Structures are given as C-alpha cells and as structure tokens.
Amino acid sequence: MGRSASGLPVGPLLAVAGVGALAVAGHRAYVAETIEPILALSLAPLVLAGGVLLALAYLVRSVPDGRGRVLLWTAVAGVAVGATADATLLRTRVYDAPLDPLLVIAAVGSVGAAAGAVAGFFETRRRNEIADLRARATRAERTIETAGGFAVARLDPEGYVDGWSDGAEAILGYSAADVVGTRIDVVYPEGDDREAKQHLQRALRTDHVDLEGEFVRADGETLYGSGSLTAVESEDGDLLGYLFVLADRSEERARREELERRNEQLEAFASIVSHDLRNPLNVAIGNVGMAKQLDDDAEKLETAESSLERMERLIEEVLTLAREGEDVEEFERVELAETVQLAWSSVDQMWAELEVDDLPAITAEGERVRRLFENLFRNAIEHGGGDVTVRVGMLGDEGFYVEDDGEGIPKHKRDEVFDAGHTTGEDGTGLGLAIVQSIAEAHGWEIEAVEGSDGGARFEVRGVQTLAEVEQ
C-alpha cells in the first residue's frame, strides 16, 4: 500500500464495521421471541468481533504507515469467510432451518473481518518496526560516516572496530582501511589494552562510560580527548557491540592550563605585594624613624635606602612579569647574535665571560628576547659566581640554550626555579626566571632547566622558529 492507502480513514471504517456487527447482534436479539442457546451461540461471535473491531479502530492510530494494509486484510478476510459461509448455506439448503441464515453469515463474516483486522494490524506494526529499525540503522551509519568534530566508531562485542567515521579519521589520523578489524586499543596510549578492556567491561555493566584523558593519533602524537563508550544491546539483552565517541579537547585543556598558570602568577603577585614588598617597607620606615631620633643617622638612612631600592626592583620585575605574560601578536626578524651581545652589555658582568656559537636570525619580538637573555645572564652570574663562563648556542633546528659552568641546579629543584618568588640568594627577587618562562611561553616556546655540559646550569628553549625555516 502506498501513501494514498495509508491516508484512508481506516479507524472510522473499522469503527463502522464494529458498530455494524454489534447492531446486527442487537437487532437479532431484539426481534427474537426467545433467546435460545443456538441463537446466543450465533450472537456471541458478532458481539466479540464488533468489540475487537472497535478496539482496533482506536489502536490503528498508533500505526504511522500502512494503515491501508489493515483495511485490506479486514475486507479480504471478512468477505472471504462470509462468502464461504453463504456458499455453504446455499449448498446445504438450510434456508428452511429455524436458524437465521443472515445471522450465520454476519457472525462468520464479522469474525473473519476481526481476525483479518488483528492479523493486518500486527503485520503492519511489525513491518513498521522493521522499517524504523532499518531507518535508524541507516541514520546511525550515516552519522558514523559523516560525523564532523567527533571521532565516532562502532565496535563489535569483542571491542574490534567495524565502523569508522570521517571525523575519526580527521581527529585520530587513522583511515577506515587502517583501523577496521583492529581493537580499539590502538588509540590508547602505548596500545594499553588493559585500560581499553576495563572501559569495555564497565560499559557493559553500566551501559555507559565517560572517557577523558590522553589518546594517540596515527602519527604517534597524543591528544587530550573526552567522550563516551556506550554498550548497545538488543531487546533481549544480548550485546550487539559498542559505540565509541571522542572529541579533541586539547586546545581547551591548553587554555585551561594557561588560565591556571595566570592564576598562579596572580597568587604569586599577591604574595610578593603582601610579603616581599611589606618587609623592606617596614625596614625602611623603622630605620627612618630611628634616624630621626639619633644624631648619627647615616647608617639607618643607608639601610632604609637599600630597602627602598629593593622595593623598586621588585615592583619593576613584578610589572615586567605581568607584561611579558601576554602572548606575542607580531613576530619580527631578530638577529640572535646581536641580541645576545646587547643583553650581555646591559648586565653587570663582573669578571664573567661570554662564549657565543654561530647564532641565526629567528622570528620573535626583539625586546622580549633581549630581556630573556638579560635575566638568564644575571641568573648565571648571581648563582654561578662573578667569574662564571656563560655559553650560548643552538639546539640544532629546535631552539637555543644558555649554560654556565657554575654549581648547577639540583635535579629535584629544576622545576621549582621557574616559580615566582623562588630564590636562593639574599638579594634576589625570585622573579628573574619566572619572567624568562613567561617570555618563552608568550612566544609559544618551551623552556627547561637541565644539567650543563660542564655540570653547571643549562636552560634549553625549544620551539623557536629560525628565519631559514620561514623562508623555505
């Protein structure tokens, strides 16, 4: 049946048939002189069939498509059974019998119509359910194939991939041909089948597992993703497979970590203002007050002046740290060798020496790079001694380094040296290396403290883009 048949008023027609059957039964019961057992036996199928047809007239509304099929089954069954009864009565010539032939034909025909209506209803609903399942399966397949922004994979009950979306290929780098037939472990770090099995088992127990963590692309790079693993079961409770959905949250995580880093900087600023600045301020105020009461006030005033100078240096470095944390918006050509020499000439070198390898031009913001080297040079002289030797060189095409031949940094403190306020010197502000890290991160670079070639401190800056790389 097509759409035109589905648009027929099937419900009202079934209701009319049901009312008709009940009307015939009522009329025959009304005109009968007495209700004999055989009459009651003939009226019962009419009443039952009429009730069934009325009930189906209401239920057929739940059938979205194929209602005409219900009507067809009803009409064919009713006519066929009724005609058979009529033919039988004619052949046996029971018209002279006391039982009303019309009542017999109506009873038999209405029962046939009701049976046909019931069969047609359930057949049509079954067809609709199958069509709906097929449509849902088609939509699911289309979703898996074309889902953008998400990696969508269909897994069999054993965890092997048998469906792979375009989004999965874009995010994880594996093509469908590469990954279909392999276990989903391939996208877990180092092919961790134990974690993948745990997720599959948990999804089977709870129907759904939230995924969040690191996953591996085809090129070996890691990404931070979040998503879900859902067990798909049949109506009988049999496991059909799993649906794996993952979104790349690497950028969001990077922004969150950057925000956390900025918040840590703000907390460090608050600590500096409340503690590091207050202490020299109290010293200065106390010494000025004492100087007013003493005849020989030169020493007290000198102490106060030193405290105020320290406060000025702290304020300048706090402001520098705040400014250098802003991302670099415009990159320019920076001659690294020239910048290193300018930075060296602007610090108090004492008896220290500088050794410089061949340095190329890079793309960066010149002033900030100069301040980066100035702070690294001051740190080397402050902690390595006045006669320290400082060396600047390249890390191949990955970046550059600054190292000294001083005492170096203990391994367990190499991460702490970049924290704002961390210092081992009496006059240090603890902000020099924090400023260096802020400048590096503002350029998108990474900086790490390691052991130098002579045992001293070595700072490696990676991710630097040379001008030769830009011009390629």
Protein backbone atom coordinates (compact mmCIF):
# COMPACT_ATOMS: atom_id res chain seq x y z
CA MET A 1 0.00 0.00 0.00
CA GLY A 2 1.25 3.44 -0.85
CA ARG A 3 0.72 6.82 0.78
CA SER A 4 -2.79 7.17 -0.63
CA ALA A 5 -3.82 3.93 1.05
CA SER A 6 -2.15 4.99 4.28
CA GLY A 7 -4.23 8.16 4.18
CA LEU A 8 -7.54 6.26 4.24
CA PRO A 9 -9.79 6.78 7.33
CA VAL A 10 -9.08 3.24 8.47
CA GLY A 11 -10.01 3.89 12.09
CA PRO A 12 -13.52 5.21 11.31
CA LEU A 13 -14.11 2.38 8.83
CA LEU A 14 -13.18 -0.25 11.40
CA ALA A 15 -15.37 1.51 13.93
CA VAL A 16 -18.30 1.43 11.48
CA ALA A 17 -17.73 -2.29 10.90
CA GLY A 18 -17.64 -2.92 14.64
CA VAL A 19 -20.79 -0.89 15.27
CA GLY A 20 -22.46 -2.71 12.36
CA ALA A 21 -21.66 -6.11 13.87
CA LEU A 22 -22.99 -5.03 17.26
CA ALA A 23 -26.07 -3.53 15.60
CA VAL A 24 -26.88 -6.80 13.78
CA ALA A 25 -26.44 -8.72 17.01
CA GLY A 26 -28.63 -6.29 18.92
CA HIS A 27 -31.33 -6.25 16.27
CA ARG A 28 -31.50 -10.05 16.03
CA ALA A 29 -31.62 -10.36 19.80
CA TYR A 30 -34.39 -7.76 19.95
CA VAL A 31 -36.70 -9.33 17.35
CA ALA A 32 -36.23 -12.90 18.63
CA GLU A 33 -39.12 -14.21 20.67
CA THR A 34 -36.83 -16.13 22.96
CA ILE A 35 -33.06 -16.32 23.32
CA GLU A 36 -32.37 -19.93 22.62
CA PRO A 37 -28.90 -21.45 23.18
CA ILE A 38 -28.23 -21.69 19.47
CA LEU A 39 -29.17 -18.02 19.00
CA ALA A 40 -26.87 -16.98 21.81
CA LEU A 41 -24.13 -19.05 20.25
CA SER A 42 -24.60 -17.12 17.00
CA LEU A 43 -24.81 -13.71 18.66
CA ALA A 44 -21.60 -14.18 20.70
CA PRO A 45 -19.20 -14.06 17.68
CA LEU A 46 -20.92 -10.88 16.44
CA VAL A 47 -20.54 -9.15 19.78
CA LEU A 48 -16.92 -10.33 20.19
CA ALA A 49 -15.97 -9.36 16.62
CA GLY A 50 -17.68 -5.97 16.99
CA GLY A 51 -15.72 -5.26 20.17
CA VAL A 52 -12.44 -6.29 18.54
CA LEU A 53 -13.09 -4.05 15.54
CA LEU A 54 -13.92 -1.08 17.77
CA ALA A 55 -10.74 -1.64 19.79
CA LEU A 56 -8.63 -1.82 16.63
CA ALA A 57 -10.31 1.35 15.36
CA TYR A 58 -8.64 3.08 18.32
CA LEU A 59 -5.31 1.22 18.22
CA VAL A 60 -4.75 1.67 14.47
CA ARG A 61 -3.84 5.30 15.19
CA SER A 62 -0.52 4.02 16.54
CA VAL A 63 0.38 2.70 13.07
CA PRO A 64 2.08 5.60 11.22
CA ASP A 65 2.29 3.89 7.83
CA GLY A 66 0.48 1.03 6.06
CA ARG A 67 -2.98 1.55 7.53
CA GLY A 68 -4.47 0.61 4.18
CA ARG A 69 -2.94 -2.82 4.66
CA VAL A 70 -5.01 -3.26 7.84
CA LEU A 71 -8.16 -2.34 5.93
CA LEU A 72 -7.27 -4.70 3.09
CA TRP A 73 -6.71 -7.63 5.47
CA THR A 74 -10.02 -6.82 7.18
CA ALA A 75 -12.04 -6.65 3.97
CA VAL A 76 -10.48 -9.70 2.33
CA ALA A 77 -10.86 -11.90 5.42
CA GLY A 78 -14.41 -10.71 6.12
CA VAL A 79 -15.61 -11.15 2.55
CA ALA A 80 -13.84 -14.46 2.07
CA VAL A 81 -15.15 -16.05 5.27
CA GLY A 82 -18.63 -14.56 4.87
CA ALA A 83 -18.85 -15.72 1.23
CA THR A 84 -17.73 -19.20 2.25
CA ALA A 85 -20.45 -19.35 4.88
CA ASP A 86 -23.04 -18.12 2.37
CA ALA A 87 -21.97 -20.73 -0.21
CA THR A 88 -22.11 -23.46 2.41
CA LEU A 89 -25.60 -22.46 3.43
CA LEU A 90 -26.79 -22.41 -0.17
CA ARG A 91 -25.28 -25.80 -0.91
CA THR A 92 -26.77 -27.49 2.13
CA ARG A 93 -30.09 -25.69 1.65
CA VAL A 94 -30.54 -24.82 5.25
CA TYR A 95 -32.58 -21.77 4.47
CA ASP A 96 -35.61 -23.66 5.80
CA ALA A 97 -33.84 -24.26 9.06
CA PRO A 98 -35.02 -22.28 12.12
CA LEU A 99 -31.61 -20.55 12.47
CA ASP A 100 -31.46 -17.19 10.66
CA PRO A 101 -29.13 -17.61 7.64
CA LEU A 102 -28.27 -13.85 7.67
CA LEU A 103 -27.23 -14.14 11.28
CA VAL A 104 -24.95 -17.04 10.45
CA ILE A 105 -23.35 -15.21 7.53
CA ALA A 106 -22.96 -11.97 9.57
CA ALA A 107 -21.44 -13.84 12.53
CA VAL A 108 -18.98 -15.79 10.46
CA GLY A 109 -18.10 -12.80 8.27
CA SER A 110 -17.58 -10.44 11.23
CA VAL A 111 -15.33 -12.96 12.95
CA GLY A 112 -13.32 -13.29 9.75
CA ALA A 113 -13.13 -9.49 9.45
CA ALA A 114 -11.97 -9.16 13.07
CA ALA A 115 -9.36 -11.88 12.62
CA GLY A 116 -8.13 -10.23 9.43
CA ALA A 117 -8.03 -6.84 11.11
CA VAL A 118 -5.98 -8.22 14.02
CA ALA A 119 -3.59 -10.02 11.70
CA GLY A 120 -3.26 -6.98 9.45
CA PHE A 121 -2.66 -4.68 12.42
CA PHE A 122 0.15 -6.77 13.90
CA GLU A 123 1.70 -7.43 10.50
CA THR A 124 1.66 -3.74 9.67
CA ARG A 125 3.15 -2.80 13.03
CA ARG A 126 5.86 -5.43 12.58
CA ARG A 127 6.69 -4.02 9.15
CA ASN A 128 6.80 -0.51 10.57
CA GLU A 129 9.14 -1.59 13.37
CA ILE A 130 11.46 -3.26 10.88
CA ALA A 131 11.38 -0.18 8.63
CA ASP A 132 12.06 2.05 11.64
CA LEU A 133 14.99 -0.10 12.74
CA ARG A 134 16.40 -0.01 9.22
CA ALA A 135 15.98 3.76 9.07
CA ARG A 136 17.66 4.16 12.45
CA ALA A 137 20.48 1.87 11.36
CA THR A 138 20.87 3.90 8.16
CA ARG A 139 20.95 7.16 10.14
CA ALA A 140 23.47 5.65 12.54
CA GLU A 141 25.66 4.52 9.65
CA ARG A 142 25.41 7.97 8.07
CA THR A 143 26.23 9.59 11.41
CA ILE A 144 29.26 7.37 11.86
CA GLU A 145 30.46 8.04 8.34
CA THR A 146 29.95 11.80 8.27
CA ALA A 147 30.15 12.94 11.90
CA GLY A 148 32.35 16.03 11.95
CA GLY A 149 34.18 17.29 15.03
CA PHE A 150 33.82 13.90 16.71
CA ALA A 151 35.56 10.58 16.33
CA VAL A 152 32.75 8.03 16.10
CA ALA A 153 33.48 4.32 15.92
CA ARG A 154 31.25 1.26 16.04
CA LEU A 155 32.77 -1.73 17.85
CA ASP A 156 31.75 -5.37 17.85
CA PRO A 157 31.15 -7.20 21.17
CA GLU A 158 34.86 -8.05 21.39
CA GLY A 159 35.98 -4.44 21.02
CA TYR A 160 37.12 -4.67 17.40
CA VAL A 161 36.36 -1.69 15.15
CA ASP A 162 33.82 -2.36 12.38
CA GLY A 163 32.75 1.23 11.69
CA TRP A 164 34.91 4.37 11.47
CA SER A 165 33.68 7.93 10.79
CA ASP A 166 35.27 10.68 8.71
CA GLY A 167 35.58 12.66 11.94
CA ALA A 168 37.55 9.81 13.49
CA GLU A 169 39.96 9.89 10.58
CA ALA A 170 40.34 13.67 10.87
CA ILE A 171 40.90 13.64 14.64
CA LEU A 172 42.88 10.43 15.16
CA GLY A 173 44.58 10.20 11.76
CA TYR A 174 43.66 6.57 11.04
CA SER A 175 41.74 5.81 7.87
CA ALA A 176 38.91 3.29 7.99
CA ALA A 177 41.02 0.83 5.99
CA ASP A 178 43.80 1.10 8.59
CA VAL A 179 41.71 0.59 11.70
CA VAL A 180 38.66 -1.53 10.82
CA GLY A 181 39.25 -5.06 12.10
CA THR A 182 41.70 -3.96 14.82
CA ARG A 183 40.93 -3.50 18.50
CA ILE A 184 40.15 -0.04 19.82
CA ASP A 185 43.31 -0.36 21.99
CA VAL A 186 45.21 1.22 19.10
CA VAL A 187 44.06 4.72 20.11
CA TYR A 188 45.01 4.28 23.78
CA PRO A 189 48.47 5.40 24.98
CA GLU A 190 51.06 2.73 24.12
CA GLY A 191 48.25 0.42 22.99
CA ASP A 192 47.11 -0.02 26.60
CA ASP A 193 44.75 -2.97 26.18
CA ARG A 194 44.19 -3.20 29.93
CA GLU A 195 42.60 0.23 30.16
CA ALA A 196 40.57 -0.40 27.00
CA LYS A 197 39.27 -3.72 28.40
CA GLN A 198 38.34 -2.01 31.66
CA HIS A 199 36.33 0.58 29.75
CA LEU A 200 34.56 -2.10 27.70
CA GLN A 201 33.70 -4.16 30.78
CA ARG A 202 32.49 -1.11 32.70
CA ALA A 203 30.35 0.00 29.76
CA LEU A 204 28.80 -3.48 29.64
CA ARG A 205 27.94 -3.30 33.35
CA THR A 206 26.71 0.30 33.44
CA ASP A 207 25.71 0.84 29.76
CA HIS A 208 27.87 3.99 29.58
CA VAL A 209 31.41 5.10 30.46
CA ASP A 210 32.76 8.65 30.30
CA LEU A 211 36.13 8.87 28.55
CA GLU A 212 38.63 11.58 29.40
CA GLY A 213 42.39 11.55 29.06
CA GLU A 214 45.16 11.16 26.54
CA PHE A 215 44.71 9.24 23.29
CA VAL A 216 47.18 8.52 20.49
CA ARG A 217 46.98 9.63 16.86
CA ALA A 218 48.26 7.58 13.95
CA ASP A 219 51.40 9.77 13.79
CA GLY A 220 52.24 8.98 17.42
CA GLU A 221 51.23 12.40 18.74
CA THR A 222 48.95 12.49 21.78
CA LEU A 223 45.74 14.45 22.11
CA TYR A 224 43.57 15.16 25.12
CA GLY A 225 40.07 13.91 24.44
CA SER A 226 36.73 13.42 26.14
CA GLY A 227 33.74 11.37 25.08
CA SER A 228 31.87 8.18 25.89
CA LEU A 229 31.77 4.45 25.35
CA THR A 230 28.25 3.02 25.25
CA ALA A 231 27.17 -0.62 25.18
CA VAL A 232 24.46 -1.39 22.59
CA GLU A 233 22.14 -4.26 23.45
CA SER A 234 19.18 -5.93 21.73
CA GLU A 235 15.68 -6.05 23.20
CA ASP A 236 16.54 -9.49 24.58
CA GLY A 237 19.58 -8.11 26.39
CA ASP A 238 22.16 -9.56 24.02
CA LEU A 239 25.28 -7.43 23.49
CA LEU A 240 25.39 -6.14 19.92
CA GLY A 241 28.53 -4.03 20.30
CA TYR A 242 29.69 -0.61 21.48
CA LEU A 243 29.60 2.98 20.28
CA PHE A 244 32.84 4.93 20.81
CA VAL A 245 32.59 8.73 20.62
CA LEU A 246 35.55 11.07 21.23
CA ALA A 247 36.11 14.82 20.86
CA ASP A 248 39.52 16.53 20.74
CA ARG A 249 39.78 18.80 23.80
CA SER A 250 43.49 19.56 23.51
CA GLU A 251 43.01 23.27 22.84
CA GLU A 252 40.52 23.62 25.67
CA ARG A 253 42.91 21.88 28.03
CA ALA A 254 45.77 24.14 26.92
CA ARG A 255 43.60 27.21 27.56
CA ARG A 256 42.62 25.86 30.96
CA GLU A 257 46.23 25.21 31.89
CA GLU A 258 47.17 28.69 30.68
CA LEU A 259 44.42 30.16 32.84
CA GLU A 260 45.64 28.17 35.81
CA ARG A 261 49.18 29.41 35.16
CA ARG A 262 47.97 33.01 35.04
CA ASN A 263 46.06 32.46 38.29
CA GLU A 264 49.23 31.11 39.88
CA GLN A 265 51.03 34.24 38.71
CA LEU A 266 48.36 36.41 40.28
CA GLU A 267 48.71 34.49 43.53
CA ALA A 268 52.48 34.99 43.33
CA PHE A 269 51.96 38.73 42.76
CA ALA A 270 49.69 38.89 45.79
CA SER A 271 52.33 37.08 47.86
CA ILE A 272 55.04 39.48 46.68
CA VAL A 273 52.94 42.54 47.44
CA SER A 274 51.84 41.26 50.84
CA HIS A 275 55.18 39.84 51.97
CA ASP A 276 58.24 40.69 49.88
CA LEU A 277 57.34 44.37 49.49
CA ARG A 278 55.99 44.81 53.02
CA ASN A 279 59.18 43.57 54.68
CA PRO A 280 61.59 46.10 53.09
CA LEU A 281 58.92 48.79 53.53
CA ASN A 282 58.76 48.08 57.27
CA VAL A 283 62.56 48.09 57.44
CA ALA A 284 62.71 51.45 55.65
CA ILE A 285 60.01 53.02 57.82
CA GLY A 286 61.63 51.71 61.00
CA ASN A 287 65.09 52.95 60.10
CA VAL A 288 63.85 56.38 59.04
CA GLY A 289 62.01 56.67 62.36
CA MET A 290 65.11 55.67 64.30
CA ALA A 291 67.26 58.06 62.26
CA LYS A 292 65.06 60.93 63.36
CA GLN A 293 65.83 60.15 67.00
CA LEU A 294 69.60 59.64 66.60
CA ASP A 295 72.34 62.13 65.96
CA ASP A 296 74.31 59.67 63.79
CA ASP A 297 71.63 58.64 61.28
CA ALA A 298 73.78 57.83 58.23
CA GLU A 299 73.75 54.05 58.75
CA LYS A 300 69.99 53.92 59.36
CA LEU A 301 69.24 56.03 56.32
CA GLU A 302 71.55 53.86 54.20
CA THR A 303 69.64 50.74 55.32
CA ALA A 304 66.37 52.47 54.53
CA GLU A 305 67.65 53.49 51.11
CA SER A 306 68.71 49.89 50.37
CA SER A 307 65.26 48.61 51.34
CA LEU A 308 63.55 51.17 49.15
CA GLU A 309 65.80 50.24 46.21
CA ARG A 310 64.87 46.60 46.70
CA MET A 311 61.21 47.57 46.68
CA GLU A 312 61.70 49.49 43.44
CA ARG A 313 63.41 46.48 41.84
CA LEU A 314 60.61 44.19 42.99
CA ILE A 315 57.95 46.49 41.59
CA GLU A 316 59.74 46.75 38.26
CA GLU A 317 60.11 42.99 37.97
CA VAL A 318 56.50 42.33 39.01
CA LEU A 319 55.32 44.72 36.30
CA THR A 320 57.70 43.11 33.81
CA LEU A 321 56.40 39.66 34.68
CA ALA A 322 52.81 40.84 34.19
CA ARG A 323 53.61 42.38 30.79
CA GLU A 324 55.75 39.52 29.49
CA GLY A 325 52.96 37.01 30.13
CA GLU A 326 50.88 38.44 27.28
CA ASP A 327 51.03 36.45 24.05
CA VAL A 328 53.21 37.83 21.27
CA GLU A 329 50.96 39.13 18.48
CA GLU A 330 53.54 40.32 15.92
CA PHE A 331 56.73 38.43 15.14
CA GLU A 332 59.71 40.14 13.52
CA ARG A 333 63.19 39.30 12.33
CA VAL A 334 65.54 39.11 15.31
CA GLU A 335 69.30 38.68 14.85
CA LEU A 336 70.02 36.34 17.73
CA ALA A 337 73.80 37.02 17.87
CA GLU A 338 73.26 40.79 18.05
CA THR A 339 70.51 40.43 20.67
CA VAL A 340 72.76 38.26 22.86
CA GLN A 341 75.56 40.86 22.75
CA LEU A 342 73.17 43.70 23.61
CA ALA A 343 71.79 41.72 26.54
CA TRP A 344 75.28 40.89 27.83
CA SER A 345 76.36 44.52 27.68
CA SER A 346 73.37 45.62 29.77
CA VAL A 347 74.12 43.40 32.82
CA ASP A 348 76.80 43.75 35.48
CA GLN A 349 79.29 41.25 34.11
CA MET A 350 81.78 41.44 36.98
CA TRP A 351 84.56 39.03 35.82
CA ALA A 352 82.24 36.71 33.91
CA GLU A 353 82.94 35.69 30.30
CA LEU A 354 80.58 35.06 27.42
CA GLU A 355 81.07 32.45 24.68
CA VAL A 356 78.73 32.55 21.68
CA ASP A 357 78.39 29.95 18.93
CA ASP A 358 77.05 30.76 15.47
CA LEU A 359 73.52 32.04 16.01
CA PRO A 360 70.95 32.51 13.21
CA ALA A 361 68.14 35.02 12.80
CA ILE A 362 64.81 33.98 14.34
CA THR A 363 61.24 35.22 14.31
CA ALA A 364 60.24 36.73 17.66
CA GLU A 365 59.68 40.01 19.48
CA GLY A 366 63.15 41.53 19.83
CA GLU A 367 62.73 43.42 23.12
CA ARG A 368 61.32 40.45 24.96
CA VAL A 369 64.04 38.11 23.67
CA ARG A 370 66.65 40.59 24.87
CA ARG A 371 65.07 40.63 28.36
CA LEU A 372 65.03 36.83 28.33
CA PHE A 373 68.81 36.71 27.80
CA GLU A 374 69.42 39.51 30.33
CA ASN A 375 67.61 37.54 33.04
CA LEU A 376 69.40 34.31 32.17
CA PHE A 377 72.78 36.10 32.25
CA ARG A 378 72.00 37.74 35.63
CA ASN A 379 70.90 34.36 37.00
CA ALA A 380 74.14 32.72 35.83
CA ILE A 381 76.32 35.45 37.38
CA GLU A 382 74.28 35.56 40.61
CA HIS A 383 74.36 31.80 41.20
CA GLY A 384 77.49 30.78 39.27
CA GLY A 385 79.81 33.40 40.69
CA GLY A 386 81.42 36.56 39.37
CA ASP A 387 83.96 34.66 37.29
CA VAL A 388 81.48 32.25 35.67
CA THR A 389 81.65 31.44 31.96
CA VAL A 390 78.33 31.68 30.11
CA ARG A 391 77.83 29.95 26.77
CA VAL A 392 75.03 30.47 24.22
CA GLY A 393 74.45 28.03 21.36
CA MET A 394 71.85 26.33 19.17
CA LEU A 395 69.98 23.07 19.71
CA GLY A 396 70.08 22.14 16.05
CA ASP A 397 66.91 23.46 14.45
CA GLU A 398 64.87 23.08 17.65
CA GLY A 399 65.96 26.22 19.54
CA PHE A 400 68.83 27.57 21.62
CA TYR A 401 70.44 27.14 25.04
CA VAL A 402 72.18 29.24 27.69
CA GLU A 403 74.51 27.43 30.11
CA ASP A 404 77.21 28.22 32.64
CA ASP A 405 80.00 26.32 34.39
CA GLY A 406 78.79 27.11 37.89
CA GLU A 407 77.46 24.74 40.53
CA GLY A 408 74.29 23.93 38.63
CA ILE A 409 70.77 23.26 39.85
CA PRO A 410 69.88 20.11 41.84
CA LYS A 411 67.67 17.81 39.78
CA HIS A 412 64.76 17.91 42.25
CA LYS A 413 64.67 21.73 42.11
CA ARG A 414 64.83 22.25 38.34
CA ASP A 415 61.08 22.70 38.00
CA GLU A 416 60.85 24.98 41.05
CA VAL A 417 63.32 27.57 39.75
CA PHE A 418 60.66 28.99 37.40
CA ASP A 419 58.18 29.62 40.23
CA ALA A 420 57.62 33.29 41.01
CA GLY A 421 59.31 34.19 44.29
CA HIS A 422 61.71 31.22 44.28
CA THR A 423 65.26 32.38 45.04
CA THR A 424 68.33 31.11 46.84
CA GLY A 425 70.10 34.47 47.03
CA GLU A 426 69.69 37.03 49.81
CA ASP A 427 69.16 39.94 47.42
CA GLY A 428 67.30 38.04 44.69
CA THR A 429 63.68 38.81 43.91
CA GLY A 430 62.85 35.31 42.73
CA LEU A 431 61.21 36.69 39.59
CA GLY A 432 64.04 36.55 37.04
CA LEU A 433 63.44 33.01 35.80
CA ALA A 434 59.67 33.40 36.11
CA ILE A 435 59.99 36.30 33.67
CA VAL A 436 62.13 34.12 31.37
CA GLN A 437 59.44 31.41 31.36
CA SER A 438 56.70 33.98 30.69
CA ILE A 439 58.60 35.38 27.71
CA ALA A 440 59.19 31.89 26.29
CA GLU A 441 55.56 30.83 26.71
CA ALA A 442 54.31 34.11 25.24
CA HIS A 443 56.20 33.12 22.05
CA GLY A 444 54.82 29.57 22.15
CA TRP A 445 58.21 28.17 23.17
CA GLU A 446 59.10 25.66 25.88
CA ILE A 447 61.91 26.15 28.38
CA GLU A 448 63.54 23.52 30.55
CA ALA A 449 66.31 23.55 33.16
CA VAL A 450 68.83 20.70 32.75
CA GLU A 451 72.44 19.95 33.63
CA GLY A 452 75.07 21.81 31.59
CA SER A 453 77.91 20.19 29.70
CA ASP A 454 80.33 21.35 32.46
CA GLY A 455 77.99 20.47 35.31
CA GLY A 456 76.50 23.95 35.63
CA ALA A 457 73.00 25.20 34.95
CA ARG A 458 71.68 24.91 31.41
CA PHE A 459 68.41 26.35 30.09
CA GLU A 460 67.08 24.94 26.81
CA VAL A 461 64.46 26.86 24.84
CA ARG A 462 62.68 24.79 22.18
CA GLY A 463 60.08 25.54 19.55
CA VAL A 464 61.97 28.56 18.21
CA GLN A 465 61.47 29.19 14.51
CA THR A 466 64.52 30.33 12.61
CA LEU A 467 64.22 32.67 9.63
CA ALA A 468 65.57 29.95 7.33
CA GLU A 469 62.58 27.74 8.27
CA VAL A 470 60.16 30.57 7.48
CA GLU A 471 61.69 31.21 4.07
CA GLN A 472 61.55 27.55 2.99
